[in-house]
Amino acid sequence: MRISVILAHPSPASFNHAIARTAVAELKRIGHEVSLHDLYAEKFDPILPNEEIARDAALPAEIELHCREMAAAEGVIMVHPNWWGQPPAILKGWIDRVIRPGVAYQFLEGDSGEGIPQGLLKAGAALVFNTSNTPADREREVFGDPLETLWKNCVFRLCGVNRFHREMFGVIVTSSEGQRHAWLRQVRQLVTRFFPGKQDHEAVTGFSKSDQTPPSC
């Protein structure tokens, strides 16, 4: 199975990077083909220029690569922090440039763009892993959990991916090393649940050095 993993956090020492490393390692362990894009490390340009807006626009090679991978992906994993109830700007720009008509969705014949688009992504499931320094109850009750709405309804469901799960880890800034280890175990469990391998595998026990990261969001 081809799984696309998109990571958006500027610090390699962050817990987001530990999540992405853990997810990728687990996916490979159970036999999946993985493409990982660390948007900050790749210096992804988030600005959508006017000449890219049209459905049949000529795209830069980098954007074409991302579009091809998303169109071919049988599963998608997004990893990013909760910044002001939103993804980092670099990831929002990735959505603008990659989740585009003809790749992720299309309007039916005769629709001028005012209707409900038809999803084109072939991914059977999408996982979103977020970190936050806001308690979960406050995120829901005060802010309405905007990241859930964005990823579940505005992106994946619209683009045809109906099996969806989002996991928020927090509060990161006060978390212990033991708590972070438990969260990484949860990442492995969710990855194998949503993207099972071809055969059963024994549960992974213990922690790798890559799991031992500071409590930064």
Protein backbone atom coordinates (compact mmCIF):
# COMPACT_ATOMS: atom_id res chain seq x y z
CA MET A 1 0.00 0.00 0.00
CA ARG A 2 1.29 3.47 -0.88
CA ILE A 3 1.05 5.90 2.02
CA SER A 4 1.81 9.62 1.78
CA VAL A 5 3.03 11.34 4.98
CA ILE A 6 3.11 15.14 5.19
CA LEU A 7 4.94 16.77 8.11
CA ALA A 8 4.78 20.48 8.96
CA HIS A 9 6.89 21.62 11.91
CA PRO A 10 10.01 23.79 11.76
CA SER A 11 11.97 22.03 14.54
CA PRO A 12 13.54 18.60 13.95
CA ALA A 13 13.58 18.20 17.75
CA SER A 14 9.80 18.60 18.00
CA PHE A 15 7.36 15.92 19.08
CA ASN A 16 5.75 16.30 15.64
CA HIS A 17 8.94 14.95 14.10
CA ALA A 18 8.93 12.05 16.57
CA ILE A 19 5.33 11.29 15.54
CA ALA A 20 6.26 11.32 11.85
CA ARG A 21 9.34 9.13 12.39
CA THR A 22 7.30 6.67 14.42
CA ALA A 23 4.51 6.52 11.82
CA VAL A 24 6.92 6.06 8.92
CA ALA A 25 8.91 3.37 10.74
CA GLU A 26 5.71 1.46 11.58
CA LEU A 27 4.39 1.72 8.04
CA LYS A 28 7.64 0.36 6.63
CA ARG A 29 7.80 -2.37 9.27
CA ILE A 30 4.47 -3.79 8.13
CA GLY A 31 5.40 -3.61 4.48
CA HIS A 32 3.98 -0.37 3.10
CA GLU A 33 5.59 1.95 0.56
CA VAL A 34 5.97 5.39 2.15
CA SER A 35 6.63 8.85 0.77
CA LEU A 36 7.50 11.43 3.46
CA HIS A 37 7.58 15.17 2.86
CA ASP A 38 8.98 17.39 5.61
CA LEU A 39 7.71 20.70 4.23
CA TYR A 40 10.05 22.92 6.26
CA ALA A 41 13.13 20.83 5.45
CA GLU A 42 12.18 20.91 1.76
CA LYS A 43 11.53 24.67 1.95
CA PHE A 44 8.15 24.18 0.32
CA ASP A 45 6.83 27.44 -1.13
CA PRO A 46 3.29 27.91 0.25
CA ILE A 47 2.33 30.82 -2.00
CA LEU A 48 -0.20 29.96 -4.69
CA PRO A 49 0.57 32.13 -7.74
CA ASN A 50 -2.22 33.28 -10.02
CA GLU A 51 -0.92 31.24 -12.95
CA GLU A 52 -1.46 27.97 -11.00
CA ILE A 53 -5.13 28.54 -10.22
CA ALA A 54 -6.59 27.24 -13.48
CA ARG A 55 -7.36 23.52 -13.56
CA ASP A 56 -5.15 22.93 -16.61
CA ALA A 57 -2.31 25.18 -15.45
CA ALA A 58 1.29 24.15 -16.05
CA LEU A 59 2.74 23.26 -12.65
CA PRO A 60 6.30 23.45 -11.32
CA ALA A 61 8.01 20.07 -11.06
CA GLU A 62 7.85 20.10 -7.24
CA ILE A 63 4.09 20.67 -7.24
CA GLU A 64 3.56 18.04 -9.94
CA LEU A 65 5.41 15.52 -7.75
CA HIS A 66 3.21 16.27 -4.74
CA CYS A 67 0.08 16.07 -6.89
CA ARG A 68 1.09 12.72 -8.41
CA GLU A 69 1.84 11.25 -5.00
CA MET A 70 -1.45 12.42 -3.51
CA ALA A 71 -3.42 11.13 -6.49
CA ALA A 72 -1.74 7.72 -6.20
CA ALA A 73 -1.77 7.46 -2.38
CA GLU A 74 -3.84 4.67 -0.87
CA GLY A 75 -3.55 6.30 2.54
CA VAL A 76 -2.60 9.73 3.87
CA ILE A 77 -1.09 10.86 7.18
CA MET A 78 -0.79 14.54 8.16
CA VAL A 79 1.36 15.65 11.12
CA HIS A 80 1.36 19.24 12.40
CA PRO A 81 0.88 21.40 15.51
CA ASN A 82 -2.25 23.35 16.34
CA TRP A 83 -1.33 26.99 15.76
CA TRP A 84 -4.24 29.36 16.43
CA GLY A 85 -6.68 26.59 15.56
CA GLN A 86 -5.02 26.16 12.17
CA PRO A 87 -2.17 24.29 10.49
CA PRO A 88 1.11 26.19 10.05
CA ALA A 89 1.01 28.54 7.05
CA ILE A 90 3.36 26.30 5.08
CA LEU A 91 0.82 23.46 5.28
CA LYS A 92 -2.13 25.70 4.42
CA GLY A 93 -0.18 26.72 1.32
CA TRP A 94 0.45 23.05 0.54
CA ILE A 95 -3.33 22.51 0.59
CA ASP A 96 -3.82 25.49 -1.73
CA ARG A 97 -1.27 24.24 -4.26
CA VAL A 98 -1.68 20.44 -4.09
CA ILE A 99 -5.33 19.73 -3.18
CA ARG A 100 -6.37 21.13 -6.51
CA PRO A 101 -9.05 20.50 -9.15
CA GLY A 102 -8.29 17.57 -11.39
CA VAL A 103 -6.12 16.02 -8.69
CA ALA A 104 -8.19 15.90 -5.50
CA TYR A 105 -11.66 16.86 -6.75
CA GLN A 106 -13.62 17.85 -9.82
CA PHE A 107 -16.90 19.56 -10.63
CA LEU A 108 -19.42 17.62 -12.66
CA GLU A 109 -20.14 18.53 -16.26
CA GLY A 110 -22.28 21.63 -16.46
CA ASP A 111 -21.24 22.78 -12.98
CA SER A 112 -19.56 26.18 -13.11
CA GLY A 113 -17.94 25.68 -9.74
CA GLU A 114 -20.84 26.64 -7.51
CA GLY A 115 -21.95 23.10 -6.69
CA ILE A 116 -20.60 20.27 -4.58
CA PRO A 117 -17.44 18.78 -6.10
CA GLN A 118 -16.79 15.10 -6.67
CA GLY A 119 -13.83 13.72 -4.73
CA LEU A 120 -11.01 12.16 -6.72
CA LEU A 121 -8.54 10.96 -4.07
CA LYS A 122 -8.23 7.17 -3.99
CA ALA A 123 -6.95 6.97 -0.40
CA GLY A 124 -9.00 4.58 1.66
CA ALA A 125 -8.24 6.38 4.92
CA ALA A 126 -6.63 9.52 6.31
CA LEU A 127 -4.98 10.02 9.69
CA VAL A 128 -4.19 13.44 11.14
CA PHE A 129 -1.87 13.76 14.15
CA ASN A 130 -1.83 17.12 15.92
CA THR A 131 -0.06 18.52 18.98
CA SER A 132 -1.42 21.28 21.17
CA ASN A 133 -0.80 23.24 24.34
CA THR A 134 -4.54 23.86 24.74
CA PRO A 135 -6.54 21.33 26.81
CA ALA A 136 -8.90 19.26 24.66
CA ASP A 137 -12.06 20.38 26.46
CA ARG A 138 -11.19 24.05 25.97
CA GLU A 139 -10.41 23.39 22.30
CA ARG A 140 -13.88 21.91 21.81
CA GLU A 141 -15.98 24.12 24.07
CA VAL A 142 -14.38 27.52 23.45
CA PHE A 143 -12.97 27.23 19.92
CA GLY A 144 -15.22 24.55 18.37
CA ASP A 145 -12.30 22.29 17.35
CA PRO A 146 -11.65 23.99 13.98
CA LEU A 147 -8.95 21.50 12.93
CA GLU A 148 -11.49 18.65 13.01
CA THR A 149 -13.78 20.60 10.69
CA LEU A 150 -10.96 21.59 8.37
CA TRP A 151 -9.45 18.15 7.84
CA LYS A 152 -12.51 15.93 8.12
CA ASN A 153 -15.07 17.98 6.19
CA CYS A 154 -13.32 20.70 4.21
CA VAL A 155 -10.43 18.58 2.90
CA PHE A 156 -10.75 14.81 3.10
CA ARG A 157 -14.50 14.23 2.90
CA LEU A 158 -14.81 16.75 0.08
CA CYS A 159 -12.02 14.94 -1.78
CA GLY A 160 -13.59 11.50 -1.39
CA VAL A 161 -11.76 10.15 1.69
CA ASN A 162 -14.49 9.13 4.12
CA ARG A 163 -12.53 7.00 6.60
CA PHE A 164 -10.91 9.59 8.82
CA HIS A 165 -9.37 9.86 12.27
CA ARG A 166 -7.65 12.78 13.97
CA GLU A 167 -5.67 12.43 17.19
CA MET A 168 -4.63 15.45 19.24
CA PHE A 169 -1.75 15.03 21.70
CA GLY A 170 -1.50 17.50 24.52
CA VAL A 171 -0.81 19.36 26.61
CA ILE A 172 2.68 18.99 25.11
CA VAL A 173 4.47 21.66 27.13
CA THR A 174 3.70 19.94 30.46
CA SER A 175 3.90 16.33 29.24
CA SER A 176 6.31 13.84 30.78
CA GLU A 177 8.70 11.55 28.95
CA GLY A 178 6.50 8.62 29.90
CA GLN A 179 3.42 10.34 28.50
CA ARG A 180 5.19 11.02 25.19
CA HIS A 181 6.26 7.39 24.97
CA ALA A 182 2.63 6.35 25.52
CA TRP A 183 1.51 8.73 22.78
CA LEU A 184 4.02 7.24 20.34
CA ARG A 185 2.70 3.78 21.15
CA GLN A 186 -0.73 5.14 20.29
CA VAL A 187 0.62 6.43 16.97
CA ARG A 188 1.89 2.94 16.11
CA GLN A 189 -1.42 1.38 17.08
CA LEU A 190 -3.45 3.82 14.97
CA VAL A 191 -1.15 3.37 11.98
CA THR A 192 -1.51 -0.42 12.04
CA ARG A 193 -5.26 -0.16 12.62
CA PHE A 194 -5.93 2.14 9.68
CA PHE A 195 -3.24 0.75 7.36
CA PRO A 196 -2.84 -2.93 8.27
CA GLY A 197 -0.04 -4.92 6.68
CA LYS A 198 -0.48 -8.00 4.55
CA GLN A 199 0.02 -10.29 7.51
CA ASP A 200 -0.22 -10.08 11.27
CA HIS A 201 2.82 -8.81 13.14
CA GLU A 202 3.78 -8.93 16.76
CA ALA A 203 3.25 -5.72 18.68
CA VAL A 204 6.32 -3.55 18.96
CA THR A 205 7.59 -3.14 22.51
CA GLY A 206 10.11 -0.77 24.02
CA PHE A 207 11.23 2.59 22.71
CA SER A 208 13.67 3.60 20.03
CA LYS A 209 16.12 6.44 20.46
CA SER A 210 14.05 8.47 18.02
CA ASP A 211 11.15 8.33 20.50
CA GLN A 212 13.14 10.21 23.13
CA THR A 213 12.36 13.80 22.23
CA PRO A 214 11.90 16.93 24.33
CA PRO A 215 8.36 18.09 25.17
CA SER A 216 8.26 20.75 22.49
CA CYS A 217 5.12 21.14 20.43
